[in-house]
PDB file of all heavy atoms in Angstrom:
ATOM      1  N   GLU A   1      29.336  -4.400 -22.122  1.00  0.00           N
ATOM      2  CA  GLU A   1      28.961  -3.259 -21.289  1.00  0.00           C
ATOM      3  C   GLU A   1      28.564  -3.673 -19.886  1.00  0.00           C
ATOM      4  O   GLU A   1      28.269  -2.821 -19.050  1.00  0.00           O
ATOM      5  CB  GLU A   1      27.797  -2.498 -21.953  1.00  0.00           C
ATOM      6  CG  GLU A   1      26.421  -3.163 -21.808  1.00  0.00           C
ATOM      7  CD  GLU A   1      26.224  -4.383 -22.706  1.00  0.00           C
ATOM      8  OE1 GLU A   1      27.131  -4.662 -23.504  1.00  0.00           O
ATOM      9  OE2 GLU A   1      25.147  -5.017 -22.627  1.00  0.00           O
ATOM     10  N   GLU A   2      28.564  -4.963 -19.594  1.00  0.00           N
ATOM     11  CA  GLU A   2      28.056  -5.430 -18.315  1.00  0.00           C
ATOM     12  C   GLU A   2      29.198  -5.752 -17.358  1.00  0.00           C
ATOM     13  O   GLU A   2      30.085  -6.545 -17.670  1.00  0.00           O
ATOM     14  CB  GLU A   2      27.187  -6.684 -18.524  1.00  0.00           C
ATOM     15  CG  GLU A   2      25.946  -6.410 -19.352  1.00  0.00           C
ATOM     16  CD  GLU A   2      25.121  -7.667 -19.525  1.00  0.00           C
ATOM     17  OE1 GLU A   2      24.297  -7.973 -18.646  1.00  0.00           O
ATOM     18  OE2 GLU A   2      25.307  -8.349 -20.533  1.00  0.00           O
ATOM     19  N   ASP A   3      29.161  -5.127 -16.202  1.00  0.00           N
ATOM     20  CA  ASP A   3      30.136  -5.394 -15.152  1.00  0.00           C
ATOM     21  C   ASP A   3      29.727  -6.660 -14.409  1.00  0.00           C
ATOM     22  O   ASP A   3      28.587  -6.810 -14.006  1.00  0.00           O
ATOM     23  CB  ASP A   3      30.166  -4.194 -14.190  1.00  0.00           C
ATOM     24  CG  ASP A   3      31.240  -4.351 -13.117  1.00  0.00           C
ATOM     25  OD1 ASP A   3      31.921  -5.385 -13.103  1.00  0.00           O
ATOM     26  OD2 ASP A   3      31.364  -3.423 -12.302  1.00  0.00           O
ATOM     27  N   GLU A   4      30.665  -7.590 -14.232  1.00  0.00           N
ATOM     28  CA  GLU A   4      30.331  -8.849 -13.578  1.00  0.00           C
ATOM     29  C   GLU A   4      30.097  -8.666 -12.086  1.00  0.00           C
ATOM     30  O   GLU A   4      29.438  -9.476 -11.456  1.00  0.00           O
ATOM     31  CB  GLU A   4      31.454  -9.867 -13.813  1.00  0.00           C
ATOM     32  CG  GLU A   4      31.575 -10.315 -15.264  1.00  0.00           C
ATOM     33  CD  GLU A   4      32.591 -11.414 -15.427  1.00  0.00           C
ATOM     34  OE1 GLU A   4      33.094 -11.918 -14.392  1.00  0.00           O
ATOM     35  OE2 GLU A   4      32.900 -11.794 -16.561  1.00  0.00           O
ATOM     36  N   LYS A   5      30.658  -7.606 -11.482  1.00  0.00           N
ATOM     37  CA  LYS A   5      30.483  -7.368 -10.053  1.00  0.00           C
ATOM     38  C   LYS A   5      30.069  -5.915  -9.808  1.00  0.00           C
ATOM     39  O   LYS A   5      30.829  -5.120  -9.237  1.00  0.00           O
ATOM     40  CB  LYS A   5      31.768  -7.710  -9.297  1.00  0.00           C
ATOM     41  CG  LYS A   5      32.128  -9.190  -9.346  1.00  0.00           C
ATOM     42  CD  LYS A   5      33.367  -9.477  -8.517  1.00  0.00           C
ATOM     43  CE  LYS A   5      33.715 -10.963  -8.529  1.00  0.00           C
ATOM     44  NZ  LYS A   5      34.915 -11.271  -7.722  1.00  0.00           N
ATOM     45  N   PRO A   6      28.883  -5.530 -10.231  1.00  0.00           N
ATOM     46  CA  PRO A   6      28.443  -4.145 -10.035  1.00  0.00           C
ATOM     47  C   PRO A   6      28.063  -3.913  -8.576  1.00  0.00           C
ATOM     48  O   PRO A   6      27.777  -4.841  -7.826  1.00  0.00           O
ATOM     49  CB  PRO A   6      27.216  -4.035 -10.938  1.00  0.00           C
ATOM     50  CG  PRO A   6      26.677  -5.439 -10.986  1.00  0.00           C
ATOM     51  CD  PRO A   6      27.880  -6.334 -10.937  1.00  0.00           C
ATOM     52  N   THR A   7      28.064  -2.646  -8.177  1.00  0.00           N
ATOM     53  CA  THR A   7      27.584  -2.296  -6.848  1.00  0.00           C
ATOM     54  C   THR A   7      26.068  -2.388  -6.820  1.00  0.00           C
ATOM     55  O   THR A   7      25.407  -2.449  -7.873  1.00  0.00           O
ATOM     56  CB  THR A   7      27.999  -0.858  -6.477  1.00  0.00           C
ATOM     57  OG1 THR A   7      27.344   0.060  -7.374  1.00  0.00           O
ATOM     58  CG2 THR A   7      29.508  -0.698  -6.591  1.00  0.00           C
ATOM     59  N   PHE A   8      25.493  -2.386  -5.601  1.00  0.00           N
ATOM     60  CA  PHE A   8      24.038  -2.455  -5.514  1.00  0.00           C
ATOM     61  C   PHE A   8      23.400  -1.222  -6.150  1.00  0.00           C
ATOM     62  O   PHE A   8      22.347  -1.311  -6.775  1.00  0.00           O
ATOM     63  CB  PHE A   8      23.574  -2.590  -4.065  1.00  0.00           C
ATOM     64  CG  PHE A   8      22.083  -2.664  -3.937  1.00  0.00           C
ATOM     65  CD1 PHE A   8      21.393  -3.810  -4.303  1.00  0.00           C
ATOM     66  CD2 PHE A   8      21.359  -1.574  -3.481  1.00  0.00           C
ATOM     67  CE1 PHE A   8      20.016  -3.875  -4.215  1.00  0.00           C
ATOM     68  CE2 PHE A   8      19.976  -1.627  -3.382  1.00  0.00           C
ATOM     69  CZ  PHE A   8      19.307  -2.787  -3.742  1.00  0.00           C
ATOM     70  N   ARG A   9      24.052  -0.055  -5.992  1.00  0.00           N
ATOM     71  CA  ARG A   9      23.514   1.158  -6.621  1.00  0.00           C
ATOM     72  C   ARG A   9      23.450   0.998  -8.130  1.00  0.00           C
ATOM     73  O   ARG A   9      22.469   1.418  -8.774  1.00  0.00           O
ATOM     74  CB  ARG A   9      24.376   2.360  -6.248  1.00  0.00           C
ATOM     75  CG  ARG A   9      23.918   3.674  -6.865  1.00  0.00           C
ATOM     76  CD  ARG A   9      24.778   4.846  -6.414  1.00  0.00           C
ATOM     77  NE  ARG A   9      24.640   5.077  -4.984  1.00  0.00           N
ATOM     78  CZ  ARG A   9      25.257   6.068  -4.331  1.00  0.00           C
ATOM     79  NH1 ARG A   9      26.054   6.902  -4.997  1.00  0.00           N
ATOM     80  NH2 ARG A   9      25.084   6.233  -3.037  1.00  0.00           N
ATOM     81  N   GLU A  10      24.471   0.392  -8.707  1.00  0.00           N
ATOM     82  CA  GLU A  10      24.473   0.167 -10.153  1.00  0.00           C
ATOM     83  C   GLU A  10      23.399  -0.833 -10.558  1.00  0.00           C
ATOM     84  O   GLU A  10      22.726  -0.652 -11.587  1.00  0.00           O
ATOM     85  CB  GLU A  10      25.857  -0.326 -10.589  1.00  0.00           C
ATOM     86  CG  GLU A  10      26.946   0.732 -10.478  1.00  0.00           C
ATOM     87  CD  GLU A  10      28.341   0.168 -10.679  1.00  0.00           C
ATOM     88  OE1 GLU A  10      28.539  -1.051 -10.446  1.00  0.00           O
ATOM     89  OE2 GLU A  10      29.241   0.949 -11.053  1.00  0.00           O
ATOM     90  N   VAL A  11      23.215  -1.883  -9.746  1.00  0.00           N
ATOM     91  CA  VAL A  11      22.163  -2.866 -10.039  1.00  0.00           C
ATOM     92  C   VAL A  11      20.787  -2.215  -9.935  1.00  0.00           C
ATOM     93  O   VAL A  11      19.896  -2.464 -10.767  1.00  0.00           O
ATOM     94  CB  VAL A  11      22.262  -4.069  -9.082  1.00  0.00           C
ATOM     95  CG1 VAL A  11      21.061  -5.001  -9.259  1.00  0.00           C
ATOM     96  CG2 VAL A  11      23.552  -4.840  -9.321  1.00  0.00           C
ATOM     97  N   PHE A  12      20.608  -1.359  -8.925  1.00  0.00           N
ATOM     98  CA  PHE A  12      19.321  -0.670  -8.754  1.00  0.00           C
ATOM     99  C   PHE A  12      19.021   0.200  -9.974  1.00  0.00           C
ATOM    100  O   PHE A  12      17.901   0.171 -10.508  1.00  0.00           O
ATOM    101  CB  PHE A  12      19.343   0.197  -7.488  1.00  0.00           C
ATOM    102  CG  PHE A  12      18.000   0.745  -7.104  1.00  0.00           C
ATOM    103  CD1 PHE A  12      17.206   0.075  -6.184  1.00  0.00           C
ATOM    104  CD2 PHE A  12      17.515   1.920  -7.665  1.00  0.00           C
ATOM    105  CE1 PHE A  12      15.963   0.569  -5.834  1.00  0.00           C
ATOM    106  CE2 PHE A  12      16.283   2.426  -7.327  1.00  0.00           C
ATOM    107  CZ  PHE A  12      15.493   1.759  -6.406  1.00  0.00           C
ATOM    108  N   ALA A  13      20.019   0.949 -10.425  1.00  0.00           N
ATOM    109  CA  ALA A  13      19.817   1.818 -11.588  1.00  0.00           C
ATOM    110  C   ALA A  13      19.574   1.005 -12.854  1.00  0.00           C
ATOM    111  O   ALA A  13      18.710   1.345 -13.677  1.00  0.00           O
ATOM    112  CB  ALA A  13      21.030   2.735 -11.767  1.00  0.00           C
ATOM    113  N   THR A  14      20.322  -0.081 -13.012  1.00  0.00           N
ATOM    114  CA  THR A  14      20.171  -0.921 -14.200  1.00  0.00           C
ATOM    115  C   THR A  14      18.798  -1.557 -14.257  1.00  0.00           C
ATOM    116  O   THR A  14      18.126  -1.549 -15.300  1.00  0.00           O
ATOM    117  CB  THR A  14      21.248  -2.021 -14.214  1.00  0.00           C
ATOM    118  OG1 THR A  14      22.537  -1.408 -14.276  1.00  0.00           O
ATOM    119  CG2 THR A  14      21.077  -2.953 -15.406  1.00  0.00           C
ATOM    120  N   THR A  15      18.356  -2.110 -13.143  1.00  0.00           N
ATOM    121  CA  THR A  15      17.061  -2.789 -13.105  1.00  0.00           C
ATOM    122  C   THR A  15      15.907  -1.799 -13.211  1.00  0.00           C
ATOM    123  O   THR A  15      14.873  -2.106 -13.819  1.00  0.00           O
ATOM    124  CB  THR A  15      16.920  -3.600 -11.806  1.00  0.00           C
ATOM    125  OG1 THR A  15      18.041  -4.477 -11.676  1.00  0.00           O
ATOM    126  CG2 THR A  15      15.641  -4.423 -11.808  1.00  0.00           C
ATOM    127  N   SER A  16      16.074  -0.615 -12.643  1.00  0.00           N
ATOM    128  CA  SER A  16      14.988   0.359 -12.607  1.00  0.00           C
ATOM    129  C   SER A  16      14.804   1.093 -13.931  1.00  0.00           C
ATOM    130  O   SER A  16      13.661   1.307 -14.358  1.00  0.00           O
ATOM    131  CB  SER A  16      15.230   1.381 -11.493  1.00  0.00           C
ATOM    132  OG  SER A  16      15.309   0.755 -10.236  1.00  0.00           O
ATOM    133  N   CYS A  17      15.916   1.463 -14.586  1.00  0.00           N
ATOM    134  CA  CYS A  17      15.736   2.315 -15.767  1.00  0.00           C
ATOM    135  C   CYS A  17      16.816   2.190 -16.837  1.00  0.00           C
ATOM    136  O   CYS A  17      16.543   2.438 -18.012  1.00  0.00           O
ATOM    137  CB  CYS A  17      15.618   3.780 -15.341  1.00  0.00           C
ATOM    138  SG  CYS A  17      17.026   4.385 -14.379  1.00  0.00           S
ATOM    139  N   LYS A  18      18.041   1.822 -16.498  1.00  0.00           N
ATOM    140  CA  LYS A  18      19.115   1.867 -17.479  1.00  0.00           C
ATOM    141  C   LYS A  18      19.017   0.758 -18.525  1.00  0.00           C
ATOM    142  O   LYS A  18      19.331   0.984 -19.693  1.00  0.00           O
ATOM    143  CB  LYS A  18      20.479   1.802 -16.763  1.00  0.00           C
ATOM    144  CG  LYS A  18      20.822   3.070 -15.986  1.00  0.00           C
ATOM    145  CD  LYS A  18      22.178   2.965 -15.312  1.00  0.00           C
ATOM    146  CE  LYS A  18      23.299   2.944 -16.319  1.00  0.00           C
ATOM    147  NZ  LYS A  18      24.632   2.956 -15.660  1.00  0.00           N
ATOM    148  N   ASN A  19      18.617  -0.432 -18.110  1.00  0.00           N
ATOM    149  CA  ASN A  19      18.427  -1.537 -19.046  1.00  0.00           C
ATOM    150  C   ASN A  19      16.977  -1.543 -19.517  1.00  0.00           C
ATOM    151  O   ASN A  19      16.058  -1.653 -18.699  1.00  0.00           O
ATOM    152  CB  ASN A  19      18.786  -2.863 -18.365  1.00  0.00           C
ATOM    153  CG  ASN A  19      18.667  -4.054 -19.292  1.00  0.00           C
ATOM    154  OD1 ASN A  19      17.585  -4.419 -19.715  1.00  0.00           O
ATOM    155  ND2 ASN A  19      19.797  -4.676 -19.589  1.00  0.00           N
ATOM    156  N   ARG A  20      16.735  -1.415 -20.803  1.00  0.00           N
ATOM    157  CA  ARG A  20      15.373  -1.259 -21.314  1.00  0.00           C
ATOM    158  C   ARG A  20      14.496  -2.473 -21.014  1.00  0.00           C
ATOM    159  O   ARG A  20      13.303  -2.324 -20.756  1.00  0.00           O
ATOM    160  CB  ARG A  20      15.403  -0.990 -22.817  1.00  0.00           C
ATOM    161  CG  ARG A  20      16.050  -2.082 -23.656  1.00  0.00           C
ATOM    162  CD  ARG A  20      16.171  -1.675 -25.108  1.00  0.00           C
ATOM    163  NE  ARG A  20      14.862  -1.524 -25.727  1.00  0.00           N
ATOM    164  CZ  ARG A  20      14.686  -0.977 -26.923  1.00  0.00           C
ATOM    165  NH1 ARG A  20      15.724  -0.494 -27.607  1.00  0.00           N
ATOM    166  NH2 ARG A  20      13.470  -0.889 -27.440  1.00  0.00           N
ATOM    167  N   ASN A  21      15.101  -3.652 -21.017  1.00  0.00           N
ATOM    168  CA  ASN A  21      14.319  -4.863 -20.741  1.00  0.00           C
ATOM    169  C   ASN A  21      13.924  -4.937 -19.264  1.00  0.00           C
ATOM    170  O   ASN A  21      12.777  -5.249 -18.929  1.00  0.00           O
ATOM    171  CB  ASN A  21      15.132  -6.099 -21.131  1.00  0.00           C
ATOM    172  CG  ASN A  21      15.497  -6.098 -22.593  1.00  0.00           C
ATOM    173  OD1 ASN A  21      14.645  -6.089 -23.472  1.00  0.00           O
ATOM    174  ND2 ASN A  21      16.794  -6.096 -22.868  1.00  0.00           N
ATOM    175  N   LEU A  22      14.883  -4.649 -18.375  1.00  0.00           N
ATOM    176  CA  LEU A  22      14.588  -4.681 -16.948  1.00  0.00           C
ATOM    177  C   LEU A  22      13.667  -3.535 -16.545  1.00  0.00           C
ATOM    178  O   LEU A  22      12.817  -3.684 -15.659  1.00  0.00           O
ATOM    179  CB  LEU A  22      15.891  -4.637 -16.150  1.00  0.00           C
ATOM    180  CG  LEU A  22      16.789  -5.874 -16.298  1.00  0.00           C
ATOM    181  CD1 LEU A  22      18.125  -5.654 -15.600  1.00  0.00           C
ATOM    182  CD2 LEU A  22      16.095  -7.114 -15.731  1.00  0.00           C
ATOM    183  N   PHE A  23      13.811  -2.374 -17.187  1.00  0.00           N
ATOM    184  CA  PHE A  23      12.872  -1.271 -16.951  1.00  0.00           C
ATOM    185  C   PHE A  23      11.456  -1.678 -17.324  1.00  0.00           C
ATOM    186  O   PHE A  23      10.497  -1.404 -16.585  1.00  0.00           O
ATOM    187  CB  PHE A  23      13.292  -0.045 -17.760  1.00  0.00           C
ATOM    188  CG  PHE A  23      12.165   0.932 -17.975  1.00  0.00           C
ATOM    189  CD1 PHE A  23      11.706   1.736 -16.937  1.00  0.00           C
ATOM    190  CD2 PHE A  23      11.545   1.023 -19.216  1.00  0.00           C
ATOM    191  CE1 PHE A  23      10.657   2.623 -17.132  1.00  0.00           C
ATOM    192  CE2 PHE A  23      10.488   1.907 -19.420  1.00  0.00           C
ATOM    193  CZ  PHE A  23      10.040   2.713 -18.378  1.00  0.00           C
ATOM    194  N   ALA A  24      11.306  -2.343 -18.461  1.00  0.00           N
ATOM    195  CA  ALA A  24       9.976  -2.787 -18.898  1.00  0.00           C
ATOM    196  C   ALA A  24       9.357  -3.724 -17.862  1.00  0.00           C
ATOM    197  O   ALA A  24       8.167  -3.624 -17.548  1.00  0.00           O
ATOM    198  CB  ALA A  24      10.074  -3.475 -20.263  1.00  0.00           C
ATOM    199  N   CYS A  25      10.180  -4.625 -17.323  1.00  0.00           N
ATOM    200  CA  CYS A  25       9.683  -5.559 -16.304  1.00  0.00           C
ATOM    201  C   CYS A  25       9.312  -4.832 -15.021  1.00  0.00           C
ATOM    202  O   CYS A  25       8.267  -5.121 -14.412  1.00  0.00           O
ATOM    203  CB  CYS A  25      10.742  -6.620 -16.010  1.00  0.00           C
ATOM    204  SG  CYS A  25      11.079  -7.762 -17.359  1.00  0.00           S
ATOM    205  N   SER A  26      10.145  -3.895 -14.594  1.00  0.00           N
ATOM    206  CA  SER A  26       9.905  -3.204 -13.322  1.00  0.00           C
ATOM    207  C   SER A  26       8.622  -2.380 -13.375  1.00  0.00           C
ATOM    208  O   SER A  26       7.808  -2.419 -12.442  1.00  0.00           O
ATOM    209  CB  SER A  26      11.099  -2.304 -12.972  1.00  0.00           C
ATOM    210  OG  SER A  26      12.255  -3.078 -12.722  1.00  0.00           O
ATOM    211  N   GLN A  27       8.432  -1.629 -14.457  1.00  0.00           N
ATOM    212  CA  GLN A  27       7.212  -0.824 -14.534  1.00  0.00           C
ATOM    213  C   GLN A  27       5.981  -1.712 -14.699  1.00  0.00           C
ATOM    214  O   GLN A  27       4.911  -1.416 -14.154  1.00  0.00           O
ATOM    215  CB  GLN A  27       7.319   0.212 -15.663  1.00  0.00           C
ATOM    216  CG  GLN A  27       7.382  -0.320 -17.080  1.00  0.00           C
ATOM    217  CD  GLN A  27       6.029  -0.652 -17.676  1.00  0.00           C
ATOM    218  OE1 GLN A  27       5.016  -0.027 -17.338  1.00  0.00           O
ATOM    219  NE2 GLN A  27       5.993  -1.641 -18.549  1.00  0.00           N
ATOM    220  N   ALA A  28       6.122  -2.832 -15.407  1.00  0.00           N
ATOM    221  CA  ALA A  28       4.986  -3.750 -15.560  1.00  0.00           C
ATOM    222  C   ALA A  28       4.620  -4.391 -14.231  1.00  0.00           C
ATOM    223  O   ALA A  28       3.439  -4.562 -13.919  1.00  0.00           O
ATOM    224  CB  ALA A  28       5.323  -4.827 -16.595  1.00  0.00           C
ATOM    225  N   GLY A  29       5.635  -4.756 -13.431  1.00  0.00           N
ATOM    226  CA  GLY A  29       5.359  -5.324 -12.115  1.00  0.00           C
ATOM    227  C   GLY A  29       4.655  -4.335 -11.214  1.00  0.00           C
ATOM    228  O   GLY A  29       3.699  -4.684 -10.500  1.00  0.00           O
ATOM    229  N   LEU A  30       5.104  -3.075 -11.230  1.00  0.00           N
ATOM    230  CA  LEU A  30       4.460  -2.053 -10.411  1.00  0.00           C
ATOM    231  C   LEU A  30       3.008  -1.851 -10.821  1.00  0.00           C
ATOM    232  O   LEU A  30       2.113  -1.799  -9.966  1.00  0.00           O
ATOM    233  CB  LEU A  30       5.240  -0.735 -10.525  1.00  0.00           C
ATOM    234  CG  LEU A  30       4.790   0.397  -9.589  1.00  0.00           C
ATOM    235  CD1 LEU A  30       5.990   1.226  -9.161  1.00  0.00           C
ATOM    236  CD2 LEU A  30       3.749   1.304 -10.231  1.00  0.00           C
ATOM    237  N   ILE A  31       2.745  -1.755 -12.122  1.00  0.00           N
ATOM    238  CA  ILE A  31       1.373  -1.537 -12.597  1.00  0.00           C
ATOM    239  C   ILE A  31       0.507  -2.761 -12.324  1.00  0.00           C
ATOM    240  O   ILE A  31      -0.680  -2.641 -11.966  1.00  0.00           O
ATOM    241  CB  ILE A  31       1.369  -1.207 -14.097  1.00  0.00           C
ATOM    242  CG1 ILE A  31       2.086   0.122 -14.339  1.00  0.00           C
ATOM    243  CG2 ILE A  31      -0.044  -1.148 -14.632  1.00  0.00           C
ATOM    244  CD1 ILE A  31       1.436   1.320 -13.671  1.00  0.00           C
ATOM    245  N   ASN A  32       1.072  -3.960 -12.459  1.00  0.00           N
ATOM    246  CA  ASN A  32       0.305  -5.176 -12.179  1.00  0.00           C
ATOM    247  C   ASN A  32      -0.199  -5.179 -10.741  1.00  0.00           C
ATOM    248  O   ASN A  32      -1.370  -5.455 -10.473  1.00  0.00           O
ATOM    249  CB  ASN A  32       1.178  -6.405 -12.431  1.00  0.00           C
ATOM    250  CG  ASN A  32       0.462  -7.700 -12.103  1.00  0.00           C
ATOM    251  OD1 ASN A  32      -0.308  -8.226 -12.893  1.00  0.00           O
ATOM    252  ND2 ASN A  32       0.698  -8.240 -10.921  1.00  0.00           N
ATOM    253  N   ASN A  33       0.679  -4.879  -9.792  1.00  0.00           N
ATOM    254  CA  ASN A  33       0.264  -4.867  -8.391  1.00  0.00           C
ATOM    255  C   ASN A  33      -0.519  -3.609  -8.035  1.00  0.00           C
ATOM    256  O   ASN A  33      -1.294  -3.610  -7.075  1.00  0.00           O
ATOM    257  CB  ASN A  33       1.482  -5.021  -7.482  1.00  0.00           C
ATOM    258  CG  ASN A  33       1.948  -6.461  -7.406  1.00  0.00           C
ATOM    259  OD1 ASN A  33       1.580  -7.270  -8.249  1.00  0.00           O
ATOM    260  ND2 ASN A  33       2.736  -6.787  -6.406  1.00  0.00           N
ATOM    261  N   LEU A  34      -0.327  -2.539  -8.818  1.00  0.00           N
ATOM    262  CA  LEU A  34      -1.139  -1.341  -8.630  1.00  0.00           C
ATOM    263  C   LEU A  34      -2.604  -1.659  -8.883  1.00  0.00           C
ATOM    264  O   LEU A  34      -3.481  -1.286  -8.101  1.00  0.00           O
ATOM    265  CB  LEU A  34      -0.647  -0.241  -9.566  1.00  0.00           C
ATOM    266  CG  LEU A  34      -1.325   1.134  -9.479  1.00  0.00           C
ATOM    267  CD1 LEU A  34      -0.323   2.231  -9.816  1.00  0.00           C
ATOM    268  CD2 LEU A  34      -2.514   1.242 -10.439  1.00  0.00           C
ATOM    269  N   ASN A  35      -2.891  -2.367  -9.986  1.00  0.00           N
ATOM    270  CA  ASN A  35      -4.308  -2.683 -10.243  1.00  0.00           C
ATOM    271  C   ASN A  35      -4.851  -3.721  -9.264  1.00  0.00           C
ATOM    272  O   ASN A  35      -6.044  -3.744  -8.971  1.00  0.00           O
ATOM    273  CB  ASN A  35      -4.551  -3.074 -11.710  1.00  0.00           C
ATOM    274  CG  ASN A  35      -3.901  -4.368 -12.123  1.00  0.00           C
ATOM    275  OD1 ASN A  35      -4.054  -5.398 -11.481  1.00  0.00           O
ATOM    276  ND2 ASN A  35      -3.179  -4.345 -13.243  1.00  0.00           N
ATOM    277  N   ASP A  36      -3.955  -4.561  -8.725  1.00  0.00           N
ATOM    278  CA  ASP A  36      -4.402  -5.500  -7.696  1.00  0.00           C
ATOM    279  C   ASP A  36      -4.771  -4.757  -6.412  1.00  0.00           C
ATOM    280  O   ASP A  36      -5.791  -5.035  -5.776  1.00  0.00           O
ATOM    281  CB  ASP A  36      -3.303  -6.526  -7.421  1.00  0.00           C
ATOM    282  CG  ASP A  36      -3.774  -7.662  -6.526  1.00  0.00           C
ATOM    283  OD1 ASP A  36      -4.940  -8.080  -6.664  1.00  0.00           O
ATOM    284  OD2 ASP A  36      -2.988  -8.121  -5.691  1.00  0.00           O
ATOM    285  N   GLY A  37      -3.916  -3.777  -6.030  1.00  0.00           N
ATOM    286  CA  GLY A  37      -4.229  -2.971  -4.851  1.00  0.00           C
ATOM    287  C   GLY A  37      -5.523  -2.205  -5.021  1.00  0.00           C
ATOM    288  O   GLY A  37      -6.324  -2.071  -4.084  1.00  0.00           O
ATOM    289  N   MET A  38      -5.739  -1.678  -6.240  1.00  0.00           N
ATOM    290  CA  MET A  38      -6.991  -0.990  -6.525  1.00  0.00           C
ATOM    291  C   MET A  38      -8.178  -1.929  -6.398  1.00  0.00           C
ATOM    292  O   MET A  38      -9.222  -1.581  -5.826  1.00  0.00           O
ATOM    293  CB  MET A  38      -6.938  -0.391  -7.936  1.00  0.00           C
ATOM    294  CG  MET A  38      -8.202   0.348  -8.377  1.00  0.00           C
ATOM    295  SD  MET A  38      -9.566  -0.700  -8.988  1.00  0.00           S
ATOM    296  CE  MET A  38      -8.807  -1.523 -10.399  1.00  0.00           C
ATOM    297  N   SER A  39      -8.033  -3.143  -6.912  1.00  0.00           N
ATOM    298  CA  SER A  39      -9.170  -4.067  -6.927  1.00  0.00           C
ATOM    299  C   SER A  39      -9.622  -4.431  -5.515  1.00  0.00           C
ATOM    300  O   SER A  39     -10.828  -4.541  -5.255  1.00  0.00           O
ATOM    301  CB  SER A  39      -8.802  -5.339  -7.712  1.00  0.00           C
ATOM    302  OG  SER A  39      -7.939  -6.179  -6.967  1.00  0.00           O
ATOM    303  N   TRP A  40      -8.671  -4.592  -4.597  1.00  0.00           N
ATOM    304  CA  TRP A  40      -9.051  -4.944  -3.224  1.00  0.00           C
ATOM    305  C   TRP A  40      -9.737  -3.784  -2.513  1.00  0.00           C
ATOM    306  O   TRP A  40     -10.618  -3.984  -1.682  1.00  0.00           O
ATOM    307  CB  TRP A  40      -7.818  -5.398  -2.440  1.00  0.00           C
ATOM    308  CG  TRP A  40      -7.393  -6.782  -2.783  1.00  0.00           C
ATOM    309  CD1 TRP A  40      -6.338  -7.140  -3.576  1.00  0.00           C
ATOM    310  CD2 TRP A  40      -8.020  -7.998  -2.399  1.00  0.00           C
ATOM    311  NE1 TRP A  40      -6.271  -8.510  -3.705  1.00  0.00           N
ATOM    312  CE2 TRP A  40      -7.291  -9.066  -2.984  1.00  0.00           C
ATOM    313  CE3 TRP A  40      -9.128  -8.306  -1.614  1.00  0.00           C
ATOM    314  CZ2 TRP A  40      -7.640 -10.396  -2.810  1.00  0.00           C
ATOM    315  CZ3 TRP A  40      -9.466  -9.639  -1.434  1.00  0.00           C
ATOM    316  CH2 TRP A  40      -8.730 -10.656  -2.024  1.00  0.00           C
ATOM    317  N   GLY A  41      -9.326  -2.559  -2.834  1.00  0.00           N
ATOM    318  CA  GLY A  41      -9.895  -1.416  -2.136  1.00  0.00           C
ATOM    319  C   GLY A  41     -11.170  -0.881  -2.749  1.00  0.00           C
ATOM    320  O   GLY A  41     -12.115  -0.519  -2.037  1.00  0.00           O
ATOM    321  N   VAL A  42     -11.234  -0.826  -4.090  1.00  0.00           N
ATOM    322  CA  VAL A  42     -12.321  -0.128  -4.776  1.00  0.00           C
ATOM    323  C   VAL A  42     -13.437  -1.067  -5.230  1.00  0.00           C
ATOM    324  O   VAL A  42     -14.625  -0.717  -5.126  1.00  0.00           O
ATOM    325  CB  VAL A  42     -11.769   0.666  -5.981  1.00  0.00           C
ATOM    326  CG1 VAL A  42     -12.900   1.253  -6.828  1.00  0.00           C
ATOM    327  CG2 VAL A  42     -10.859   1.782  -5.488  1.00  0.00           C
TER     328      VAL A  42
END
């Protein structure tokens, strides 16, 4: 199911939400830095 030469739009969609493993990483990275941003401010 994996295209060896996907467009950037396809890579963005795959990394953001279409691939369950990459989605898990992306949301975890956002939340990790979210709590870091909170810690510096609050």
